[in-house]
Each structure stands twice: as C-alpha cells, then as structure tokens.
C-alpha cells in the first residue's frame, strides 16, 4: 500500500512538472545606455589630497585653495595621527583620534 501511494505521488508530481506556467511576455524596445558618469565636481573648495610615501610611512596632505591645513601621518607598523594647522600661529597641533573636535575658524579678511 505504501509503494502504491509513493508511485501515485511520483506520477502526479511528474505530471505537474511537465505543465508549463509561462506567461505571455512582450519584447521591450531597445533601452538606451545609462549616461556617462562624470567624476569632476564643480565644487571649487573641496580639498586636494596628496599622498606621499617616505621611508615606509604614508603622509596624506590636505589642501584647500593651495593652503596646507591638515596632514595624516601613518608610520610603518604604528597607528596613524593627524597634524592640524593652528590658525593663531604657524604651529601644528597633533591629534591621535580620528575625529578631533575642531572649532571652525574662517578667514574673513586678509591683507
């Protein structure tokens, strides 16, 4: 009796598998290619990043309008640190964290 049950299930399953469930589809028109991607932004004040390698360490220099304001130094086999330009003088301030709390200091007028 068990064998008869499994035989009926097998025949029924083979019958269902042979039925086609295809839908009627229509061919779409040719789709135009996507537009070209332009990576040049029109934003003039974005930082320029220069990466230099010296004696096994990487130095990333960040500039805006040609003025160097930050450097990221990654020594060989050591954690990286950041050097920020102090606007009150010509000194560099070292930060060990990724996101230092820097107060915005905009230059209003220079002579």
C-alpha atoms as a PDB file:
ATOM      1  CA  UNK A   1       0.000   0.000   0.000  1.00  0.00           C
ATOM      2  CA  UNK A   2       2.866   2.336   0.803  1.00  0.00           C
ATOM      3  CA  UNK A   3       4.529   1.644  -2.520  1.00  0.00           C
ATOM      4  CA  UNK A   4       1.303   2.375  -4.374  1.00  0.00           C
ATOM      5  CA  UNK A   5       0.975   5.729  -2.551  1.00  0.00           C
ATOM      6  CA  UNK A   6       4.530   6.774  -3.467  1.00  0.00           C
ATOM      7  CA  UNK A   7       4.034   5.643  -7.061  1.00  0.00           C
ATOM      8  CA  UNK A   8       0.894   7.794  -7.373  1.00  0.00           C
ATOM      9  CA  UNK A   9       2.729  10.770  -5.838  1.00  0.00           C
ATOM     10  CA  UNK A  10       5.608  10.319  -8.290  1.00  0.00           C
ATOM     11  CA  UNK A  11       3.302  10.172 -11.304  1.00  0.00           C
ATOM     12  CA  UNK A  12       1.297  13.163 -10.082  1.00  0.00           C
ATOM     13  CA  UNK A  13       4.490  15.181  -9.453  1.00  0.00           C
ATOM     14  CA  UNK A  14       5.880  14.344 -12.904  1.00  0.00           C
ATOM     15  CA  UNK A  15       2.610  15.479 -14.463  1.00  0.00           C
ATOM     16  CA  UNK A  16       2.674  18.807 -12.652  1.00  0.00           C
ATOM     17  CA  UNK A  17       6.334  19.371 -13.527  1.00  0.00           C
ATOM     18  CA  UNK A  18       5.606  18.945 -17.227  1.00  0.00           C
ATOM     19  CA  UNK A  19       2.939  21.682 -17.217  1.00  0.00           C
ATOM     20  CA  UNK A  20       4.283  24.990 -18.457  1.00  0.00           C
ATOM     21  CA  UNK A  21       3.436  28.067 -16.416  1.00  0.00           C
ATOM     22  CA  UNK A  22       4.892  30.538 -18.912  1.00  0.00           C
ATOM     23  CA  UNK A  23       3.254  33.924 -19.230  1.00  0.00           C
ATOM     24  CA  UNK A  24       2.881  35.879 -22.384  1.00  0.00           C
ATOM     25  CA  UNK A  25       5.636  38.459 -22.477  1.00  0.00           C
ATOM     26  CA  UNK A  26       6.232  41.353 -24.803  1.00  0.00           C
ATOM     27  CA  UNK A  27       9.608  42.444 -26.062  1.00  0.00           C
ATOM     28  CA  UNK A  28      10.530  45.917 -24.867  1.00  0.00           C
ATOM     29  CA  UNK A  29      12.115  48.481 -27.130  1.00  0.00           C
ATOM     30  CA  UNK A  30      15.857  48.899 -27.005  1.00  0.00           C
ATOM     31  CA  UNK A  31      16.788  50.686 -23.806  1.00  0.00           C
ATOM     32  CA  UNK A  32      19.399  53.426 -24.240  1.00  0.00           C
ATOM     33  CA  UNK A  33      22.634  53.028 -22.284  1.00  0.00           C
ATOM     34  CA  UNK A  34      22.959  54.911 -18.992  1.00  0.00           C
ATOM     35  CA  UNK A  35      24.524  58.364 -19.105  1.00  0.00           C
ATOM     36  CA  UNK A  36      28.263  58.651 -18.647  1.00  0.00           C
ATOM     37  CA  UNK A  37      29.406  59.324 -15.107  1.00  0.00           C
ATOM     38  CA  UNK A  38      31.428  62.470 -14.631  1.00  0.00           C
ATOM     39  CA  UNK A  39      33.554  62.432 -11.506  1.00  0.00           C
ATOM     40  CA  UNK A  40      34.628  66.051 -11.856  1.00  0.00           C
ATOM     41  CA  UNK A  41      32.625  68.124  -9.448  1.00  0.00           C
ATOM     42  CA  UNK A  42      32.049  71.794  -9.984  1.00  0.00           C
ATOM     43  CA  UNK A  43      32.774  72.434  -6.336  1.00  0.00           C
ATOM     44  CA  UNK A  44      35.897  74.573  -6.110  1.00  0.00           C
ATOM     45  CA  UNK A  45      36.519  74.438  -2.375  1.00  0.00           C
ATOM     46  CA  UNK A  46      36.863  70.693  -1.951  1.00  0.00           C
ATOM     47  CA  UNK A  47      40.210  69.587  -0.516  1.00  0.00           C
ATOM     48  CA  UNK A  48      43.037  68.357  -2.687  1.00  0.00           C
ATOM     49  CA  UNK A  49      44.661  65.257  -1.222  1.00  0.00           C
ATOM     50  CA  UNK A  50      48.270  64.366  -1.983  1.00  0.00           C
ATOM     51  CA  UNK A  51      49.647  61.035  -0.752  1.00  0.00           C
ATOM     52  CA  UNK A  52      53.397  60.703  -0.298  1.00  0.00           C
ATOM     53  CA  UNK A  53      55.438  57.715   0.815  1.00  0.00           C
ATOM     54  CA  UNK A  54      58.648  58.374   2.760  1.00  0.00           C
ATOM     55  CA  UNK A  55      60.767  55.730   4.481  1.00  0.00           C
ATOM     56  CA  UNK A  56      57.860  53.292   4.786  1.00  0.00           C
ATOM     57  CA  UNK A  57      55.364  55.837   6.149  1.00  0.00           C
ATOM     58  CA  UNK A  58      52.487  57.454   4.328  1.00  0.00           C
ATOM     59  CA  UNK A  59      51.782  61.177   4.542  1.00  0.00           C
ATOM     60  CA  UNK A  60      48.461  62.464   3.251  1.00  0.00           C
ATOM     61  CA  UNK A  61      48.396  66.242   2.725  1.00  0.00           C
ATOM     62  CA  UNK A  62      45.038  68.032   2.626  1.00  0.00           C
ATOM     63  CA  UNK A  63      44.913  71.428   0.897  1.00  0.00           C
ATOM     64  CA  UNK A  64      42.165  73.947   0.174  1.00  0.00           C
ATOM     65  CA  UNK A  65      42.938  76.707  -2.322  1.00  0.00           C
ATOM     66  CA  UNK A  66      46.580  75.650  -2.246  1.00  0.00           C
ATOM     67  CA  UNK A  67      46.887  76.112   1.540  1.00  0.00           C
ATOM     68  CA  UNK A  68      48.011  73.080   3.534  1.00  0.00           C
ATOM     69  CA  UNK A  69      45.742  72.728   6.580  1.00  0.00           C
ATOM     70  CA  UNK A  70      45.987  69.067   7.657  1.00  0.00           C
ATOM     71  CA  UNK A  71      48.276  66.064   7.353  1.00  0.00           C
ATOM     72  CA  UNK A  72      47.590  62.447   8.201  1.00  0.00           C
ATOM     73  CA  UNK A  73      50.770  60.566   9.049  1.00  0.00           C
ATOM     74  CA  UNK A  74      50.725  56.760   9.054  1.00  0.00           C
ATOM     75  CA  UNK A  75      54.077  55.418  10.291  1.00  0.00           C
ATOM     76  CA  UNK A  76      55.164  51.902   9.462  1.00  0.00           C
ATOM     77  CA  UNK A  77      53.654  49.402  11.977  1.00  0.00           C
ATOM     78  CA  UNK A  78      52.211  52.197  14.161  1.00  0.00           C
ATOM     79  CA  UNK A  79      48.810  53.876  14.473  1.00  0.00           C
ATOM     80  CA  UNK A  80      48.221  56.976  12.395  1.00  0.00           C
ATOM     81  CA  UNK A  81      47.920  60.505  13.744  1.00  0.00           C
ATOM     82  CA  UNK A  82      46.749  63.850  12.382  1.00  0.00           C
ATOM     83  CA  UNK A  83      48.518  67.205  12.264  1.00  0.00           C
ATOM     84  CA  UNK A  84      46.277  70.282  12.005  1.00  0.00           C
ATOM     85  CA  UNK A  85      47.416  73.797  11.258  1.00  0.00           C
ATOM     86  CA  UNK A  86      46.805  76.135  14.185  1.00  0.00           C
ATOM     87  CA  UNK A  87      45.361  79.366  12.785  1.00  0.00           C
ATOM     88  CA  UNK A  88      46.550  81.506  15.700  1.00  0.00           C
ATOM     89  CA  UNK A  89      50.160  80.817  14.773  1.00  0.00           C
ATOM     90  CA  UNK A  90      52.284  78.745  12.468  1.00  0.00           C
ATOM     91  CA  UNK A  91      52.336  75.699  14.747  1.00  0.00           C
ATOM     92  CA  UNK A  92      50.994  72.237  14.010  1.00  0.00           C
ATOM     93  CA  UNK A  93      48.758  70.538  16.569  1.00  0.00           C
ATOM     94  CA  UNK A  94      48.847  66.739  16.825  1.00  0.00           C
ATOM     95  CA  UNK A  95      45.660  64.710  17.328  1.00  0.00           C
ATOM     96  CA  UNK A  96      45.631  60.971  17.937  1.00  0.00           C
ATOM     97  CA  UNK A  97      41.901  60.466  17.366  1.00  0.00           C
ATOM     98  CA  UNK A  98      40.144  60.189  14.048  1.00  0.00           C
ATOM     99  CA  UNK A  99      37.596  62.950  14.672  1.00  0.00           C
ATOM    100  CA  UNK A 100      39.135  65.770  16.661  1.00  0.00           C
ATOM    101  CA  UNK A 101      36.817  68.496  17.904  1.00  0.00           C
ATOM    102  CA  UNK A 102      37.955  71.443  15.801  1.00  0.00           C
ATOM    103  CA  UNK A 103      36.136  74.745  16.030  1.00  0.00           C
ATOM    104  CA  UNK A 104      35.557  76.310  12.589  1.00  0.00           C
ATOM    105  CA  UNK A 105      37.896  79.258  12.075  1.00  0.00           C
ATOM    106  CA  UNK A 106      37.054  81.100   8.898  1.00  0.00           C
ATOM    107  CA  UNK A 107      39.259  83.815   7.498  1.00  0.00           C
ATOM    108  CA  UNK A 108      37.114  86.888   6.902  1.00  0.00           C
ATOM    109  CA  UNK A 109      39.717  89.303   5.560  1.00  0.00           C
ATOM    110  CA  UNK A 110      43.452  89.034   4.862  1.00  0.00           C
ATOM    111  CA  UNK A 111      45.905  91.799   3.966  1.00  0.00           C
END
